[in-house]
Protein backbone atom coordinates (compact mmCIF):
# COMPACT_ATOMS: atom_id res chain seq x y z
CA MET A 1 115.71 42.66 96.65
CA ILE A 2 118.30 44.32 98.83
CA SER A 3 117.53 47.66 97.43
CA LYS A 4 113.91 47.37 98.20
CA SER A 5 114.76 46.30 101.74
CA ILE A 6 117.06 49.31 102.09
CA LEU A 7 114.30 51.49 100.74
CA TYR A 8 111.70 50.06 103.25
CA PHE A 9 114.20 50.56 106.04
CA LEU A 10 114.83 54.22 105.19
CA LEU A 11 110.93 54.83 104.82
CA ILE A 12 110.40 53.37 108.26
CA CYS A 13 113.29 55.28 109.83
CA PHE A 14 112.44 58.56 108.18
CA PRO A 15 109.39 59.29 110.23
CA ILE A 16 111.21 58.38 113.43
CA THR A 17 114.00 60.79 112.45
CA LEU A 18 111.32 63.62 112.05
CA LEU A 19 109.91 62.80 115.37
CA GLY A 20 113.34 62.88 116.92
CA GLN A 21 113.95 66.29 115.40
CA THR A 22 110.98 67.94 117.15
CA ASP A 23 112.80 67.37 120.42
CA THR A 24 115.47 69.84 119.14
CA ILE A 25 113.21 72.85 119.27
CA PRO A 26 114.31 75.70 121.46
CA PRO A 27 112.76 75.30 125.10
CA ILE A 28 109.81 77.48 125.81
CA ARG A 29 112.11 79.27 128.54
CA GLU A 30 114.05 80.97 125.84
CA ASN A 31 110.90 82.41 124.15
CA LYS A 32 109.61 83.61 127.66
CA SER A 33 112.93 85.39 128.20
CA LYS A 34 112.50 87.22 124.76
CA ILE A 35 109.05 88.25 125.68
CA LYS A 36 110.11 89.67 129.24
CA SER A 37 112.94 91.69 127.50
CA ASP A 38 110.32 93.43 125.09
CA LYS A 39 108.00 94.46 128.04
CA ILE A 40 107.46 98.21 128.41
CA PRO A 41 108.56 99.68 131.66
CA PHE A 42 105.63 100.91 133.88
CA LYS A 43 106.84 104.56 133.81
CA ASP A 44 106.75 104.36 129.92
CA ARG A 45 103.23 103.08 129.97
CA ILE A 46 101.65 106.14 131.50
CA TYR A 47 101.06 109.40 129.52
CA PHE A 48 99.35 112.64 130.02
CA GLY A 49 98.13 115.21 127.58
CA GLY A 50 94.96 116.82 126.19
CA ASN A 51 93.76 119.67 124.20
CA LEU A 52 93.21 123.45 124.57
CA GLY A 53 90.66 125.39 122.28
CA LEU A 54 90.45 129.24 122.28
CA GLN A 55 88.21 131.48 120.36
CA PHE A 56 87.40 135.11 121.10
CA GLY A 57 85.16 137.75 119.43
CA THR A 58 81.58 137.86 119.43
CA GLN A 59 81.64 134.30 120.57
CA THR A 60 84.17 133.30 123.17
CA TYR A 61 85.01 129.55 123.46
CA ILE A 62 87.57 128.31 125.94
CA ASP A 63 88.06 124.46 126.12
CA ILE A 64 90.38 122.81 128.51
CA SER A 65 90.50 119.09 128.34
CA PRO A 66 93.45 117.26 130.02
CA LEU A 67 93.74 113.46 129.94
CA ALA A 68 95.61 110.62 131.22
CA GLY A 69 96.34 107.28 129.55
CA TYR A 70 97.84 103.86 129.94
CA LYS A 71 99.58 101.80 127.24
CA PHE A 72 98.77 98.19 127.56
CA THR A 73 100.82 97.30 124.65
CA GLU A 74 102.78 99.27 122.04
CA SER A 75 99.61 99.43 120.08
CA VAL A 76 96.77 99.50 122.51
CA SER A 77 96.15 102.37 125.06
CA ALA A 78 93.08 103.65 126.91
CA GLY A 79 92.53 106.45 129.25
CA ALA A 80 90.23 109.06 130.70
CA GLY A 81 89.91 112.84 130.81
CA ILE A 82 87.74 115.82 132.05
CA THR A 83 86.46 118.65 130.02
CA TYR A 84 85.64 122.24 130.93
CA ILE A 85 84.20 124.66 128.28
CA TYR A 86 83.31 128.34 128.89
CA TYR A 87 81.02 129.68 126.17
CA LYS A 88 79.94 133.35 125.96
CA TYR A 89 77.95 135.01 123.20
CA LYS A 90 77.77 138.78 123.07
CA ASP A 91 76.29 141.20 120.45
CA SER A 92 74.51 144.61 120.89
CA TYR A 93 71.16 142.87 121.70
CA TYR A 94 72.02 139.67 123.47
CA THR A 95 74.43 138.23 126.07
CA TYR A 96 74.64 134.81 127.12
CA SER A 97 77.29 132.63 128.86
CA THR A 98 77.47 129.11 130.20
CA SER A 99 79.87 126.49 131.56
CA ILE A 100 79.86 123.07 130.13
CA TYR A 101 81.66 120.27 132.06
CA GLY A 102 82.08 116.43 132.09
CA GLY A 103 84.46 113.53 131.38
CA ARG A 104 85.31 111.01 128.86
CA VAL A 105 87.03 107.56 128.48
CA PHE A 106 88.78 106.65 125.41
CA GLY A 107 90.63 103.76 123.52
CA ARG A 108 93.38 103.93 120.88
CA TYR A 109 94.70 101.40 118.57
CA LEU A 110 97.97 102.30 116.80
CA PHE A 111 98.23 100.72 113.19
CA THR A 112 101.65 102.17 112.35
CA ASP A 113 104.02 104.33 114.35
CA ASN A 114 101.84 107.42 113.36
CA LEU A 115 98.39 106.22 112.49
CA PHE A 116 95.76 105.19 115.01
CA ALA A 117 92.06 104.37 115.41
CA HIS A 118 90.13 106.24 118.39
CA VAL A 119 87.00 105.55 120.14
CA GLU A 120 85.46 107.73 123.01
CA VAL A 121 82.58 108.13 125.18
CA GLU A 122 81.93 111.57 126.70
CA LEU A 123 79.44 112.74 129.06
CA LEU A 124 78.95 116.55 129.23
CA ASN A 125 76.55 118.46 131.61
CA MET A 126 75.27 121.50 129.72
CA GLU A 127 72.63 124.26 129.76
CA LEU A 128 69.91 123.90 127.06
CA TYR A 129 66.93 126.31 126.41
CA ASP A 130 63.41 125.09 126.79
CA ARG A 131 60.94 127.22 124.80
CA ASN A 132 57.93 125.70 126.70
CA ILE A 133 59.09 127.32 130.07
CA ASN A 134 61.04 129.97 128.50
CA ASP A 135 64.16 129.17 130.60
CA TYR A 136 67.40 127.29 130.70
CA TYR A 137 67.88 123.95 132.38
CA ARG A 138 70.99 121.48 132.73
CA LYS A 139 70.99 118.17 131.06
CA ASN A 140 73.59 115.43 130.58
CA ILE A 141 74.54 114.73 127.01
CA ILE A 142 76.28 111.43 126.05
CA SER A 143 78.34 111.57 122.97
CA PRO A 144 79.93 108.37 121.43
CA PHE A 145 82.89 109.16 118.99
CA VAL A 146 84.64 107.13 116.41
CA GLY A 147 87.53 108.08 114.24
CA GLY A 148 91.21 108.16 113.79
CA GLY A 149 94.23 110.29 114.05
CA TYR A 150 97.83 111.04 113.21
CA ILE A 151 100.56 111.55 115.98
CA GLN A 152 103.85 113.29 115.22
CA ARG A 153 106.19 112.01 117.76
CA PHE A 154 108.82 114.16 119.27
CA SER A 155 110.20 111.32 121.33
CA ASN A 156 108.93 107.84 122.52
CA ASN A 157 106.74 109.38 125.10
CA ALA A 158 105.84 112.72 123.47
CA GLY A 159 104.07 113.98 120.50
CA LEU A 160 101.54 116.23 118.86
CA TYR A 161 98.30 114.50 117.55
CA LEU A 162 95.53 115.43 115.13
CA LEU A 163 91.98 113.72 115.51
CA LEU A 164 89.21 113.51 113.19
CA LEU A 165 86.07 112.21 114.98
CA PHE A 166 82.43 111.72 114.19
CA ASN A 167 79.83 112.05 116.96
CA LEU A 168 77.24 109.19 116.75
CA ASN A 169 74.86 111.02 118.75
CA ASP A 170 74.76 114.12 116.49
CA SER A 171 71.63 115.81 117.62
CA ALA A 172 70.29 119.39 118.27
CA GLU A 173 71.37 119.07 121.87
CA SER A 174 74.74 118.11 121.00
CA PRO A 175 77.60 120.83 121.41
CA TYR A 176 79.45 119.30 118.45
CA THR A 177 78.94 119.55 114.71
CA ASN A 178 80.25 116.56 112.63
CA PRO A 179 83.25 116.21 111.81
CA ILE A 180 85.11 116.98 114.99
CA ILE A 181 88.79 117.97 114.53
CA ARG A 182 91.12 118.07 117.67
CA ILE A 183 94.63 118.91 117.97
CA GLY A 184 96.41 117.79 121.21
CA PHE A 185 99.46 116.47 122.81
CA ASN A 186 100.81 113.56 124.73
CA LEU A 187 103.61 113.45 127.30
CA GLY A 188 104.97 110.53 129.13
CA ILE A 189 106.42 110.44 132.60
């Protein structure tokens, strides 16, 4: 009978002991101090970069596309950029040249230290030919891109990236043909 009483006593005390142990969890204050020490300094959150494209010959293509970005976390960043493209076609019968310009906003998510997903929306103002009026006119073209990339880091704030993108608005008016491959760079301040 005594052994049953001791068993009941232990069963009753055991849950009380478990409840008493929950009071020994580290205070929330300790967790907050760890989070604060892991924050990225503001100067390391901002980066600049872009890409430059050059082609010469019968077709001349010069693309200057700088960008600026902001790291919200180690994995998530977003930014904006501008684009200027000079295009010229010249052969013995025909010469044509135009300027294409616009801007873009983008977002990136790093899966690993080197691989990332990329989404972007670009608005370009470009010249198009209208056969009905036999003349050129300017039009804004919106191109949403999805894809991914690889970044080879030189330091925490600098790297060379390779992007593979697909234009979801691949039409006859688009200046791009899928897939789009870009090589660019990022530099932190």
